[in-house]
Amino acid sequence: MSDLQIVYDGDCPFCTRYVTMARIKKSVGTVELIDARSDHPIVAEIKAKGIDLNEGMLARYKGAEYFGADCIHFLSMLSSRSGLMNRAMSVVFSNRSVARFMYPILRFGRNTTLRLMGRAPIS
């Protein structure tokens, strides 16, 4: 099992870009990226808890789960500051209040983009 698991929408170009670009500090250990559209056991477990993965990505680390804005905030705290995009994301999302304000806007953009691309919501 990985030290950090990130469940994200593999059909969303923004989500995919974010999780592949985020440079998580090596002190975290191994990182497992899990497509929320897959049949991975963690996806089923999350859905069984009633968590709607259309509403946000989820990170699991050391027994704790971070969802939506809290996930983006958590990941920004773990990310290295190397590279322009990582620095920008860190500045924006390392502030929990800003992350909570921005997340619904980002989710709206994601949902709109997926509709325009003809992609169905996560079932």
PDB file of N, CA and C in Angstrom:
ATOM      1  N   MET A   1       0.841  -1.185   0.000  1.00  0.00           N
ATOM      2  CA  MET A   1       0.000   0.000   0.000  1.00  0.00           C
ATOM      3  C   MET A   1       0.885   1.247   0.000  1.00  0.00           C
ATOM      4  N   SER A   2       0.457   2.251  -0.734  1.00  0.00           N
ATOM      5  CA  SER A   2       1.209   3.498  -0.831  1.00  0.00           C
ATOM      6  C   SER A   2       1.027   4.336   0.424  1.00  0.00           C
ATOM      7  N   ASP A   3       1.975   5.222   0.648  1.00  0.00           N
ATOM      8  CA  ASP A   3       1.886   6.124   1.796  1.00  0.00           C
ATOM      9  C   ASP A   3       0.803   7.191   1.569  1.00  0.00           C
ATOM     10  N   LEU A   4       0.696   7.659   0.342  1.00  0.00           N
ATOM     11  CA  LEU A   4      -0.293   8.676  -0.035  1.00  0.00           C
ATOM     12  C   LEU A   4      -1.046   8.175  -1.243  1.00  0.00           C
ATOM     13  N   GLN A   5      -2.363   8.204  -1.150  1.00  0.00           N
ATOM     14  CA  GLN A   5      -3.204   7.822  -2.281  1.00  0.00           C
ATOM     15  C   GLN A   5      -4.044   9.029  -2.675  1.00  0.00           C
ATOM     16  N   ILE A   6      -4.087   9.300  -3.967  1.00  0.00           N
ATOM     17  CA  ILE A   6      -4.876  10.416  -4.484  1.00  0.00           C
ATOM     18  C   ILE A   6      -5.876   9.853  -5.482  1.00  0.00           C
ATOM     19  N   VAL A   7      -7.165  10.051  -5.191  1.00  0.00           N
ATOM     20  CA  VAL A   7      -8.232   9.587  -6.069  1.00  0.00           C
ATOM     21  C   VAL A   7      -8.747  10.816  -6.812  1.00  0.00           C
ATOM     22  N   TYR A   8      -8.677  10.772  -8.134  1.00  0.00           N
ATOM     23  CA  TYR A   8      -9.029  11.929  -8.968  1.00  0.00           C
ATOM     24  C   TYR A   8      -9.756  11.441 -10.212  1.00  0.00           C
ATOM     25  N   ASP A   9     -10.376  12.365 -10.939  1.00  0.00           N
ATOM     26  CA  ASP A   9     -11.103  12.030 -12.160  1.00  0.00           C
ATOM     27  C   ASP A   9     -10.124  11.954 -13.327  1.00  0.00           C
ATOM     28  N   GLY A  10      -9.848  10.753 -13.779  1.00  0.00           N
ATOM     29  CA  GLY A  10      -8.913  10.544 -14.874  1.00  0.00           C
ATOM     30  C   GLY A  10      -9.391  11.087 -16.211  1.00  0.00           C
ATOM     31  N   ASP A  11     -10.683  11.368 -16.353  1.00  0.00           N
ATOM     32  CA  ASP A  11     -11.206  11.947 -17.593  1.00  0.00           C
ATOM     33  C   ASP A  11     -11.103  13.473 -17.600  1.00  0.00           C
ATOM     34  N   CYS A  12     -10.839  14.061 -16.460  1.00  0.00           N
ATOM     35  CA  CYS A  12     -10.751  15.522 -16.357  1.00  0.00           C
ATOM     36  C   CYS A  12      -9.325  15.969 -16.675  1.00  0.00           C
ATOM     37  N   PRO A  13      -9.153  16.764 -17.729  1.00  0.00           N
ATOM     38  CA  PRO A  13      -7.793  17.198 -18.071  1.00  0.00           C
ATOM     39  C   PRO A  13      -7.154  18.061 -16.987  1.00  0.00           C
ATOM     40  N   PHE A  14      -7.942  18.835 -16.260  1.00  0.00           N
ATOM     41  CA  PHE A  14      -7.396  19.690 -15.195  1.00  0.00           C
ATOM     42  C   PHE A  14      -6.937  18.849 -14.006  1.00  0.00           C
ATOM     43  N   CYS A  15      -7.776  17.882 -13.611  1.00  0.00           N
ATOM     44  CA  CYS A  15      -7.440  17.016 -12.483  1.00  0.00           C
ATOM     45  C   CYS A  15      -6.183  16.201 -12.787  1.00  0.00           C
ATOM     46  N   THR A  16      -6.156  15.636 -13.993  1.00  0.00           N
ATOM     47  CA  THR A  16      -5.013  14.826 -14.398  1.00  0.00           C
ATOM     48  C   THR A  16      -3.740  15.649 -14.427  1.00  0.00           C
ATOM     49  N   ARG A  17      -3.835  16.839 -14.981  1.00  0.00           N
ATOM     50  CA  ARG A  17      -2.660  17.716 -15.048  1.00  0.00           C
ATOM     51  C   ARG A  17      -2.192  18.079 -13.650  1.00  0.00           C
ATOM     52  N   TYR A  18      -3.129  18.397 -12.764  1.00  0.00           N
ATOM     53  CA  TYR A  18      -2.764  18.789 -11.408  1.00  0.00           C
ATOM     54  C   TYR A  18      -2.030  17.668 -10.677  1.00  0.00           C
ATOM     55  N   VAL A  19      -2.601  16.460 -10.690  1.00  0.00           N
ATOM     56  CA  VAL A  19      -1.972  15.380  -9.914  1.00  0.00           C
ATOM     57  C   VAL A  19      -0.654  14.922 -10.520  1.00  0.00           C
ATOM     58  N   THR A  20      -0.483  15.081 -11.825  1.00  0.00           N
ATOM     59  CA  THR A  20       0.790  14.687 -12.423  1.00  0.00           C
ATOM     60  C   THR A  20       1.842  15.779 -12.295  1.00  0.00           C
ATOM     61  N   MET A  21       1.410  17.031 -12.168  1.00  0.00           N
ATOM     62  CA  MET A  21       2.365  18.131 -12.039  1.00  0.00           C
ATOM     63  C   MET A  21       2.786  18.382 -10.601  1.00  0.00           C
ATOM     64  N   ALA A  22       1.906  18.087  -9.657  1.00  0.00           N
ATOM     65  CA  ALA A  22       2.230  18.344  -8.252  1.00  0.00           C
ATOM     66  C   ALA A  22       3.443  17.517  -7.862  1.00  0.00           C
ATOM     67  N   ARG A  23       4.447  18.171  -7.389  1.00  0.00           N
ATOM     68  CA  ARG A  23       5.660  17.469  -6.961  1.00  0.00           C
ATOM     69  C   ARG A  23       5.586  17.292  -5.451  1.00  0.00           C
ATOM     70  N   ILE A  24       5.129  16.132  -5.052  1.00  0.00           N
ATOM     71  CA  ILE A  24       4.976  15.838  -3.630  1.00  0.00           C
ATOM     72  C   ILE A  24       6.368  15.582  -3.052  1.00  0.00           C
ATOM     73  N   LYS A  25       6.619  16.186  -1.903  1.00  0.00           N
ATOM     74  CA  LYS A  25       7.921  16.045  -1.254  1.00  0.00           C
ATOM     75  C   LYS A  25       8.257  14.586  -1.021  1.00  0.00           C
ATOM     76  N   LYS A  26       9.500  14.262  -1.188  1.00  0.00           N
ATOM     77  CA  LYS A  26       9.959  12.887  -1.043  1.00  0.00           C
ATOM     78  C   LYS A  26       9.723  12.340   0.364  1.00  0.00           C
ATOM     79  N   SER A  27       9.611  13.200   1.356  1.00  0.00           N
ATOM     80  CA  SER A  27       9.397  12.748   2.726  1.00  0.00           C
ATOM     81  C   SER A  27       8.040  12.068   2.907  1.00  0.00           C
ATOM     82  N   VAL A  28       7.137  12.249   1.951  1.00  0.00           N
ATOM     83  CA  VAL A  28       5.811  11.643   2.032  1.00  0.00           C
ATOM     84  C   VAL A  28       5.889  10.150   1.766  1.00  0.00           C
ATOM     85  N   GLY A  29       6.823   9.725   0.967  1.00  0.00           N
ATOM     86  CA  GLY A  29       6.935   8.313   0.597  1.00  0.00           C
ATOM     87  C   GLY A  29       6.343   8.085  -0.772  1.00  0.00           C
ATOM     88  N   THR A  30       5.781   6.906  -0.967  1.00  0.00           N
ATOM     89  CA  THR A  30       5.232   6.574  -2.276  1.00  0.00           C
ATOM     90  C   THR A  30       3.845   7.191  -2.460  1.00  0.00           C
ATOM     91  N   VAL A  31       3.568   7.590  -3.701  1.00  0.00           N
ATOM     92  CA  VAL A  31       2.288   8.201  -4.044  1.00  0.00           C
ATOM     93  C   VAL A  31       1.611   7.323  -5.082  1.00  0.00           C
ATOM     94  N   GLU A  32       0.354   6.998  -4.830  1.00  0.00           N
ATOM     95  CA  GLU A  32      -0.435   6.211  -5.783  1.00  0.00           C
ATOM     96  C   GLU A  32      -1.562   7.086  -6.319  1.00  0.00           C
ATOM     97  N   LEU A  33      -1.594   7.265  -7.642  1.00  0.00           N
ATOM     98  CA  LEU A  33      -2.659   8.011  -8.297  1.00  0.00           C
ATOM     99  C   LEU A  33      -3.728   7.018  -8.738  1.00  0.00           C
ATOM    100  N   ILE A  34      -4.973   7.258  -8.318  1.00  0.00           N
ATOM    101  CA  ILE A  34      -6.065   6.328  -8.592  1.00  0.00           C
ATOM    102  C   ILE A  34      -7.162   7.064  -9.351  1.00  0.00           C
ATOM    103  N   ASP A  35      -7.494   6.548 -10.521  1.00  0.00           N
ATOM    104  CA  ASP A  35      -8.563   7.123 -11.328  1.00  0.00           C
ATOM    105  C   ASP A  35      -9.905   6.780 -10.683  1.00  0.00           C
ATOM    106  N   ALA A  36     -10.703   7.789 -10.376  1.00  0.00           N
ATOM    107  CA  ALA A  36     -12.004   7.592  -9.734  1.00  0.00           C
ATOM    108  C   ALA A  36     -12.978   6.839 -10.630  1.00  0.00           C
ATOM    109  N   ARG A  37     -12.655   6.710 -11.912  1.00  0.00           N
ATOM    110  CA  ARG A  37     -13.519   5.978 -12.851  1.00  0.00           C
ATOM    111  C   ARG A  37     -13.117   4.511 -12.961  1.00  0.00           C
ATOM    112  N   SER A  38     -12.103   4.117 -12.218  1.00  0.00           N
ATOM    113  CA  SER A  38     -11.620   2.738 -12.272  1.00  0.00           C
ATOM    114  C   SER A  38     -12.391   1.858 -11.285  1.00  0.00           C
ATOM    115  N   ASP A  39     -12.103   0.568 -11.336  1.00  0.00           N
ATOM    116  CA  ASP A  39     -12.723  -0.369 -10.392  1.00  0.00           C
ATOM    117  C   ASP A  39     -11.797  -0.658  -9.204  1.00  0.00           C
ATOM    118  N   HIS A  40     -10.924   0.290  -8.909  1.00  0.00           N
ATOM    119  CA  HIS A  40      -9.998   0.149  -7.777  1.00  0.00           C
ATOM    120  C   HIS A  40     -10.813  -0.002  -6.485  1.00  0.00           C
ATOM    121  N   PRO A  41     -10.409  -0.903  -5.576  1.00  0.00           N
ATOM    122  CA  PRO A  41     -11.155  -1.119  -4.330  1.00  0.00           C
ATOM    123  C   PRO A  41     -11.350   0.159  -3.506  1.00  0.00           C
ATOM    124  N   ILE A  42     -10.406   1.077  -3.543  1.00  0.00           N
ATOM    125  CA  ILE A  42     -10.543   2.319  -2.770  1.00  0.00           C
ATOM    126  C   ILE A  42     -11.691   3.163  -3.307  1.00  0.00           C
ATOM    127  N   VAL A  43     -11.887   3.139  -4.622  1.00  0.00           N
ATOM    128  CA  VAL A  43     -12.992   3.895  -5.220  1.00  0.00           C
ATOM    129  C   VAL A  43     -14.320   3.362  -4.685  1.00  0.00           C
ATOM    130  N   ALA A  44     -14.475   2.048  -4.664  1.00  0.00           N
ATOM    131  CA  ALA A  44     -15.701   1.444  -4.139  1.00  0.00           C
ATOM    132  C   ALA A  44     -15.886   1.779  -2.659  1.00  0.00           C
ATOM    133  N   GLU A  45     -14.811   1.757  -1.911  1.00  0.00           N
ATOM    134  CA  GLU A  45     -14.859   2.075  -0.479  1.00  0.00           C
ATOM    135  C   GLU A  45     -15.307   3.527  -0.251  1.00  0.00           C
ATOM    136  N   ILE A  46     -14.775   4.434  -1.039  1.00  0.00           N
ATOM    137  CA  ILE A  46     -15.128   5.848  -0.914  1.00  0.00           C
ATOM    138  C   ILE A  46     -16.601   6.057  -1.263  1.00  0.00           C
ATOM    139  N   LYS A  47     -17.047   5.435  -2.352  1.00  0.00           N
ATOM    140  CA  LYS A  47     -18.456   5.558  -2.758  1.00  0.00           C
ATOM    141  C   LYS A  47     -19.380   4.964  -1.704  1.00  0.00           C
ATOM    142  N   ALA A  48     -18.965   3.854  -1.067  1.00  0.00           N
ATOM    143  CA  ALA A  48     -19.777   3.227  -0.020  1.00  0.00           C
ATOM    144  C   ALA A  48     -19.959   4.152   1.181  1.00  0.00           C
ATOM    145  N   LYS A  49     -19.004   5.046   1.383  1.00  0.00           N
ATOM    146  CA  LYS A  49     -19.115   6.032   2.470  1.00  0.00           C
ATOM    147  C   LYS A  49     -20.046   7.185   2.110  1.00  0.00           C
ATOM    148  N   GLY A  50     -20.513   7.201   0.844  1.00  0.00           N
ATOM    149  CA  GLY A  50     -21.413   8.269   0.402  1.00  0.00           C
ATOM    150  C   GLY A  50     -20.689   9.488  -0.123  1.00  0.00           C
ATOM    151  N   ILE A  51     -19.400   9.372  -0.370  1.00  0.00           N
ATOM    152  CA  ILE A  51     -18.628  10.492  -0.901  1.00  0.00           C
ATOM    153  C   ILE A  51     -18.796  10.518  -2.417  1.00  0.00           C
ATOM    154  N   ASP A  52     -19.227  11.658  -2.938  1.00  0.00           N
ATOM    155  CA  ASP A  52     -19.447  11.830  -4.377  1.00  0.00           C
ATOM    156  C   ASP A  52     -18.167  12.360  -5.013  1.00  0.00           C
ATOM    157  N   LEU A  53     -17.493  11.521  -5.766  1.00  0.00           N
ATOM    158  CA  LEU A  53     -16.225  11.907  -6.384  1.00  0.00           C
ATOM    159  C   LEU A  53     -16.411  12.877  -7.550  1.00  0.00           C
ATOM    160  N   ASN A  54     -17.660  13.181  -7.915  1.00  0.00           N
ATOM    161  CA  ASN A  54     -17.920  14.262  -8.861  1.00  0.00           C
ATOM    162  C   ASN A  54     -17.752  15.618  -8.188  1.00  0.00           C
ATOM    163  N   GLU A  55     -17.786  15.614  -6.868  1.00  0.00           N
ATOM    164  CA  GLU A  55     -17.682  16.855  -6.099  1.00  0.00           C
ATOM    165  C   GLU A  55     -16.253  17.202  -5.717  1.00  0.00           C
ATOM    166  N   GLY A  56     -15.322  16.275  -5.946  1.00  0.00           N
ATOM    167  CA  GLY A  56     -13.945  16.595  -5.618  1.00  0.00           C
ATOM    168  C   GLY A  56     -13.048  15.377  -5.575  1.00  0.00           C
ATOM    169  N   MET A  57     -11.752  15.658  -5.557  1.00  0.00           N
ATOM    170  CA  MET A  57     -10.773  14.584  -5.430  1.00  0.00           C
ATOM    171  C   MET A  57     -10.544  14.297  -3.956  1.00  0.00           C
ATOM    172  N   LEU A  58      -9.922  13.166  -3.687  1.00  0.00           N
ATOM    173  CA  LEU A  58      -9.699  12.738  -2.315  1.00  0.00           C
ATOM    174  C   LEU A  58      -8.261  12.265  -2.158  1.00  0.00           C
ATOM    175  N   ALA A  59      -7.656  12.655  -1.047  1.00  0.00           N
ATOM    176  CA  ALA A  59      -6.324  12.164  -0.696  1.00  0.00           C
ATOM    177  C   ALA A  59      -6.433  11.411   0.620  1.00  0.00           C
ATOM    178  N   ARG A  60      -5.715  10.305   0.697  1.00  0.00           N
ATOM    179  CA  ARG A  60      -5.674   9.510   1.923  1.00  0.00           C
ATOM    180  C   ARG A  60      -4.215   9.403   2.338  1.00  0.00           C
ATOM    181  N   TYR A  61      -3.947   9.830   3.586  1.00  0.00           N
ATOM    182  CA  TYR A  61      -2.581   9.838   4.085  1.00  0.00           C
ATOM    183  C   TYR A  61      -2.585   9.530   5.570  1.00  0.00           C
ATOM    184  N   LYS A  62      -1.852   8.492   5.954  1.00  0.00           N
ATOM    185  CA  LYS A  62      -1.732   8.097   7.362  1.00  0.00           C
ATOM    186  C   LYS A  62      -3.090   7.955   8.051  1.00  0.00           C
ATOM    187  N   GLY A  63      -4.024   7.326   7.366  1.00  0.00           N
ATOM    188  CA  GLY A  63      -5.334   7.058   7.946  1.00  0.00           C
ATOM    189  C   GLY A  63      -6.322   8.205   7.866  1.00  0.00           C
ATOM    190  N   ALA A  64      -5.887   9.384   7.452  1.00  0.00           N
ATOM    191  CA  ALA A  64      -6.790  10.529   7.329  1.00  0.00           C
ATOM    192  C   ALA A  64      -7.182  10.718   5.870  1.00  0.00           C
ATOM    193  N   GLU A  65      -8.394  11.213   5.662  1.00  0.00           N
ATOM    194  CA  GLU A  65      -8.867  11.501   4.312  1.00  0.00           C
ATOM    195  C   GLU A  65      -9.144  12.982   4.173  1.00  0.00           C
ATOM    196  N   TYR A  66      -8.755  13.517   3.036  1.00  0.00           N
ATOM    197  CA  TYR A  66      -8.938  14.928   2.721  1.00  0.00           C
ATOM    198  C   TYR A  66      -9.713  14.992   1.411  1.00  0.00           C
ATOM    199  N   PHE A  67     -10.821  15.720   1.413  1.00  0.00           N
ATOM    200  CA  PHE A  67     -11.712  15.741   0.254  1.00  0.00           C
ATOM    201  C   PHE A  67     -11.949  17.173  -0.231  1.00  0.00           C
ATOM    202  N   GLY A  68     -12.042  17.320  -1.541  1.00  0.00           N
ATOM    203  CA  GLY A  68     -12.387  18.610  -2.139  1.00  0.00           C
ATOM    204  C   GLY A  68     -11.365  19.684  -1.835  1.00  0.00           C
ATOM    205  N   ALA A  69     -11.832  20.804  -1.307  1.00  0.00           N
ATOM    206  CA  ALA A  69     -10.944  21.932  -0.996  1.00  0.00           C
ATOM    207  C   ALA A  69      -9.886  21.537   0.030  1.00  0.00           C
ATOM    208  N   ASP A  70     -10.265  20.699   0.984  1.00  0.00           N
ATOM    209  CA  ASP A  70      -9.294  20.248   1.988  1.00  0.00           C
ATOM    210  C   ASP A  70      -8.201  19.395   1.343  1.00  0.00           C
ATOM    211  N   CYS A  71      -8.559  18.645   0.319  1.00  0.00           N
ATOM    212  CA  CYS A  71      -7.578  17.828  -0.404  1.00  0.00           C
ATOM    213  C   CYS A  71      -6.576  18.722  -1.127  1.00  0.00           C
ATOM    214  N   ILE A  72      -7.072  19.716  -1.847  1.00  0.00           N
ATOM    215  CA  ILE A  72      -6.181  20.620  -2.580  1.00  0.00           C
ATOM    216  C   ILE A  72      -5.273  21.374  -1.601  1.00  0.00           C
ATOM    217  N   HIS A  73      -5.847  21.809  -0.486  1.00  0.00           N
ATOM    218  CA  HIS A  73      -5.045  22.496   0.539  1.00  0.00           C
ATOM    219  C   HIS A  73      -3.964  21.550   1.078  1.00  0.00           C
ATOM    220  N   PHE A  74      -4.354  20.328   1.423  1.00  0.00           N
ATOM    221  CA  PHE A  74      -3.417  19.340   1.955  1.00  0.00           C
ATOM    222  C   PHE A  74      -2.299  19.057   0.953  1.00  0.00           C
ATOM    223  N   LEU A  75      -2.653  18.823  -0.298  1.00  0.00           N
ATOM    224  CA  LEU A  75      -1.645  18.514  -1.315  1.00  0.00           C
ATOM    225  C   LEU A  75      -0.708  19.698  -1.550  1.00  0.00           C
ATOM    226  N   SER A  76      -1.234  20.912  -1.458  1.00  0.00           N
ATOM    227  CA  SER A  76      -0.364  22.082  -1.644  1.00  0.00           C
ATOM    228  C   SER A  76       0.653  22.189  -0.515  1.00  0.00           C
ATOM    229  N   MET A  77       0.287  21.726   0.667  1.00  0.00           N
ATOM    230  CA  MET A  77       1.217  21.751   1.790  1.00  0.00           C
ATOM    231  C   MET A  77       2.307  20.689   1.630  1.00  0.00           C
ATOM    232  N   LEU A  78       2.008  19.626   0.905  1.00  0.00           N
ATOM    233  CA  LEU A  78       2.982  18.549   0.693  1.00  0.00           C
ATOM    234  C   LEU A  78       3.847  18.769  -0.536  1.00  0.00           C
ATOM    235  N   SER A  79       3.395  19.631  -1.435  1.00  0.00           N
ATOM    236  CA  SER A  79       4.102  19.820  -2.704  1.00  0.00           C
ATOM    237  C   SER A  79       5.376  20.618  -2.524  1.00  0.00           C
ATOM    238  N   SER A  80       6.344  20.282  -3.368  1.00  0.00           N
ATOM    239  CA  SER A  80       7.573  21.074  -3.355  1.00  0.00           C
ATOM    240  C   SER A  80       7.277  22.416  -4.002  1.00  0.00           C
ATOM    241  N   ARG A  81       8.135  23.361  -3.778  1.00  0.00           N
ATOM    242  CA  ARG A  81       7.938  24.703  -4.340  1.00  0.00           C
ATOM    243  C   ARG A  81       8.743  24.886  -5.621  1.00  0.00           C
ATOM    244  N   SER A  82       9.253  23.779  -6.177  1.00  0.00           N
ATOM    245  CA  SER A  82      10.057  23.898  -7.388  1.00  0.00           C
ATOM    246  C   SER A  82       9.142  24.013  -8.607  1.00  0.00           C
ATOM    247  N   GLY A  83       9.504  24.878  -9.491  1.00  0.00           N
ATOM    248  CA  GLY A  83       8.717  25.096 -10.703  1.00  0.00           C
ATOM    249  C   GLY A  83       7.680  26.187 -10.503  1.00  0.00           C
ATOM    250  N   LEU A  84       7.451  26.935 -11.523  1.00  0.00           N
ATOM    251  CA  LEU A  84       6.523  28.073 -11.464  1.00  0.00           C
ATOM    252  C   LEU A  84       5.108  27.642 -11.095  1.00  0.00           C
ATOM    253  N   MET A  85       4.605  26.585 -11.726  1.00  0.00           N
ATOM    254  CA  MET A  85       3.230  26.148 -11.467  1.00  0.00           C
ATOM    255  C   MET A  85       3.065  25.657 -10.038  1.00  0.00           C
ATOM    256  N   ASN A  86       4.027  24.896  -9.533  1.00  0.00           N
ATOM    257  CA  ASN A  86       3.936  24.418  -8.149  1.00  0.00           C
ATOM    258  C   ASN A  86       3.983  25.574  -7.159  1.00  0.00           C
ATOM    259  N   ARG A  87       4.827  26.568  -7.423  1.00  0.00           N
ATOM    260  CA  ARG A  87       4.871  27.739  -6.543  1.00  0.00           C
ATOM    261  C   ARG A  87       3.543  28.481  -6.562  1.00  0.00           C
ATOM    262  N   ALA A  88       2.974  28.669  -7.742  1.00  0.00           N
ATOM    263  CA  ALA A  88       1.697  29.383  -7.870  1.00  0.00           C
ATOM    264  C   ALA A  88       0.579  28.628  -7.138  1.00  0.00           C
ATOM    265  N   MET A  89       0.506  27.310  -7.357  1.00  0.00           N
ATOM    266  CA  MET A  89      -0.524  26.508  -6.689  1.00  0.00           C
ATOM    267  C   MET A  89      -0.339  26.535  -5.180  1.00  0.00           C
ATOM    268  N   SER A  90       0.906  26.523  -4.743  1.00  0.00           N
ATOM    269  CA  SER A  90       1.183  26.561  -3.315  1.00  0.00           C
ATOM    270  C   SER A  90       0.724  27.878  -2.701  1.00  0.00           C
ATOM    271  N   VAL A  91       1.017  28.970  -3.383  1.00  0.00           N
ATOM    272  CA  VAL A  91       0.619  30.290  -2.868  1.00  0.00           C
ATOM    273  C   VAL A  91      -0.897  30.365  -2.745  1.00  0.00           C
ATOM    274  N   VAL A  92      -1.602  29.886  -3.757  1.00  0.00           N
ATOM    275  CA  VAL A  92      -3.064  29.987  -3.766  1.00  0.00           C
ATOM    276  C   VAL A  92      -3.697  29.027  -2.766  1.00  0.00           C
ATOM    277  N   PHE A  93      -3.320  27.760  -2.813  1.00  0.00           N
ATOM    278  CA  PHE A  93      -4.046  26.751  -2.052  1.00  0.00           C
ATOM    279  C   PHE A  93      -3.475  26.424  -0.685  1.00  0.00           C
ATOM    280  N   SER A  94      -2.313  26.969  -0.324  1.00  0.00           N
ATOM    281  CA  SER A  94      -1.797  26.716   1.019  1.00  0.00           C
ATOM    282  C   SER A  94      -2.597  27.489   2.065  1.00  0.00           C
ATOM    283  N   ASN A  95      -3.364  28.460   1.633  1.00  0.00           N
ATOM    284  CA  ASN A  95      -4.282  29.182   2.518  1.00  0.00           C
ATOM    285  C   ASN A  95      -5.626  28.461   2.464  1.00  0.00           C
ATOM    286  N   ARG A  96      -6.039  27.869   3.570  1.00  0.00           N
ATOM    287  CA  ARG A  96      -7.273  27.066   3.603  1.00  0.00           C
ATOM    288  C   ARG A  96      -8.496  27.884   3.185  1.00  0.00           C
ATOM    289  N   SER A  97      -8.594  29.119   3.604  1.00  0.00           N
ATOM    290  CA  SER A  97      -9.758  29.945   3.244  1.00  0.00           C
ATOM    291  C   SER A  97      -9.812  30.203   1.747  1.00  0.00           C
ATOM    292  N   VAL A  98      -8.675  30.475   1.148  1.00  0.00           N
ATOM    293  CA  VAL A  98      -8.625  30.704  -0.295  1.00  0.00           C
ATOM    294  C   VAL A  98      -8.973  29.415  -1.025  1.00  0.00           C
ATOM    295  N   ALA A  99      -8.453  28.288  -0.551  1.00  0.00           N
ATOM    296  CA  ALA A  99      -8.758  27.000  -1.174  1.00  0.00           C
ATOM    297  C   ALA A  99     -10.258  26.720  -1.122  1.00  0.00           C
ATOM    298  N   ARG A 100     -10.884  26.990   0.000  1.00  0.00           N
ATOM    299  CA  ARG A 100     -12.335  26.751   0.134  1.00  0.00           C
ATOM    300  C   ARG A 100     -13.151  27.717  -0.727  1.00  0.00           C
ATOM    301  N   PHE A 101     -12.661  28.922  -0.914  1.00  0.00           N
ATOM    302  CA  PHE A 101     -13.346  29.880  -1.789  1.00  0.00           C
ATOM    303  C   PHE A 101     -13.200  29.480  -3.255  1.00  0.00           C
ATOM    304  N   MET A 102     -11.993  29.083  -3.645  1.00  0.00           N
ATOM    305  CA  MET A 102     -11.696  28.794  -5.050  1.00  0.00           C
ATOM    306  C   MET A 102     -12.222  27.438  -5.518  1.00  0.00           C
ATOM    307  N   TYR A 103     -12.331  26.472  -4.623  1.00  0.00           N
ATOM    308  CA  TYR A 103     -12.655  25.115  -5.040  1.00  0.00           C
ATOM    309  C   TYR A 103     -13.983  24.998  -5.797  1.00  0.00           C
ATOM    310  N   PRO A 104     -15.061  25.620  -5.331  1.00  0.00           N
ATOM    311  CA  PRO A 104     -16.308  25.532  -6.104  1.00  0.00           C
ATOM    312  C   PRO A 104     -16.181  26.122  -7.513  1.00  0.00           C
ATOM    313  N   ILE A 105     -15.371  27.140  -7.662  1.00  0.00           N
ATOM    314  CA  ILE A 105     -15.143  27.740  -8.983  1.00  0.00           C
ATOM    315  C   ILE A 105     -14.397  26.746  -9.872  1.00  0.00           C
ATOM    316  N   LEU A 106     -13.377  26.108  -9.320  1.00  0.00           N
ATOM    317  CA  LEU A 106     -12.624  25.098 -10.068  1.00  0.00           C
ATOM    318  C   LEU A 106     -13.504  23.903 -10.434  1.00  0.00           C
ATOM    319  N   ARG A 107     -14.345  23.488  -9.497  1.00  0.00           N
ATOM    320  CA  ARG A 107     -15.244  22.362  -9.754  1.00  0.00           C
ATOM    321  C   ARG A 107     -16.251  22.710 -10.857  1.00  0.00           C
ATOM    322  N   PHE A 108     -16.749  23.928 -10.859  1.00  0.00           N
ATOM    323  CA  PHE A 108     -17.653  24.374 -11.916  1.00  0.00           C
ATOM    324  C   PHE A 108     -16.948  24.322 -13.266  1.00  0.00           C
ATOM    325  N   GLY A 109     -15.708  24.778 -13.317  1.00  0.00           N
ATOM    326  CA  GLY A 109     -14.932  24.730 -14.552  1.00  0.00           C
ATOM    327  C   GLY A 109     -14.707  23.305 -15.011  1.00  0.00           C
ATOM    328  N   ARG A 110     -14.423  22.422 -14.083  1.00  0.00           N
ATOM    329  CA  ARG A 110     -14.244  21.000 -14.403  1.00  0.00           C
ATOM    330  C   ARG A 110     -15.517  20.422 -14.977  1.00  0.00           C
ATOM    331  N   ASN A 111     -16.634  20.634 -14.285  1.00  0.00           N
ATOM    332  CA  ASN A 111     -17.908  20.068 -14.736  1.00  0.00           C
ATOM    333  C   ASN A 111     -18.312  20.606 -16.106  1.00  0.00           C
ATOM    334  N   THR A 112     -18.115  21.884 -16.321  1.00  0.00           N
ATOM    335  CA  THR A 112     -18.443  22.499 -17.611  1.00  0.00           C
ATOM    336  C   THR A 112     -17.565  21.912 -18.713  1.00  0.00           C
ATOM    337  N   THR A 113     -16.281  21.795 -18.447  1.00  0.00           N
ATOM    338  CA  THR A 113     -15.351  21.237 -19.438  1.00  0.00           C
ATOM    339  C   THR A 113     -15.720  19.796 -19.784  1.00  0.00           C
ATOM    340  N   LEU A 114     -16.033  18.995 -18.773  1.00  0.00           N
ATOM    341  CA  LEU A 114     -16.401  17.602 -19.036  1.00  0.00           C
ATOM    342  C   LEU A 114     -17.671  17.519 -19.879  1.00  0.00           C
ATOM    343  N   ARG A 115     -18.651  18.382 -19.586  1.00  0.00           N
ATOM    344  CA  ARG A 115     -19.874  18.400 -20.402  1.00  0.00           C
ATOM    345  C   ARG A 115     -19.564  18.763 -21.843  1.00  0.00           C
ATOM    346  N   LEU A 116     -18.732  19.789 -22.044  1.00  0.00           N
ATOM    347  CA  LEU A 116     -18.363  20.210 -23.394  1.00  0.00           C
ATOM    348  C   LEU A 116     -17.587  19.121 -24.143  1.00  0.00           C
ATOM    349  N   MET A 117     -16.843  18.324 -23.394  1.00  0.00           N
ATOM    350  CA  MET A 117     -16.081  17.222 -24.000  1.00  0.00           C
ATOM    351  C   MET A 117     -16.941  15.978 -24.224  1.00  0.00           C
ATOM    352  N   GLY A 118     -18.189  16.008 -23.747  1.00  0.00           N
ATOM    353  CA  GLY A 118     -19.072  14.861 -23.897  1.00  0.00           C
ATOM    354  C   GLY A 118     -18.800  13.747 -22.917  1.00  0.00           C
ATOM    355  N   ARG A 119     -18.149  14.048 -21.817  1.00  0.00           N
ATOM    356  CA  ARG A 119     -17.815  13.043 -20.817  1.00  0.00           C
ATOM    357  C   ARG A 119     -18.926  12.974 -19.760  1.00  0.00           C
ATOM    358  N   ALA A 120     -19.266  11.786 -19.380  1.00  0.00           N
ATOM    359  CA  ALA A 120     -20.303  11.567 -18.363  1.00  0.00           C
ATOM    360  C   ALA A 120     -19.720  11.788 -16.976  1.00  0.00           C
ATOM    361  N   PRO A 121     -20.568  12.115 -16.010  1.00  0.00           N
ATOM    362  CA  PRO A 121     -20.093  12.191 -14.615  1.00  0.00           C
ATOM    363  C   PRO A 121     -19.606  10.816 -14.153  1.00  0.00           C
ATOM    364  N   ILE A 122     -18.845  10.807 -13.080  1.00  0.00           N
ATOM    365  CA  ILE A 122     -18.370   9.557 -12.481  1.00  0.00           C
ATOM    366  C   ILE A 122     -19.594   8.827 -11.956  1.00  0.00           C
ATOM    367  N   SER A 123     -19.723   7.554 -12.310  1.00  0.00           N
ATOM    368  CA  SER A 123     -20.907   6.797 -11.863  1.00  0.00           C
ATOM    369  C   SER A 123     -20.704   6.204 -10.499  1.00  0.00           C
TER     370      SER A 123
END
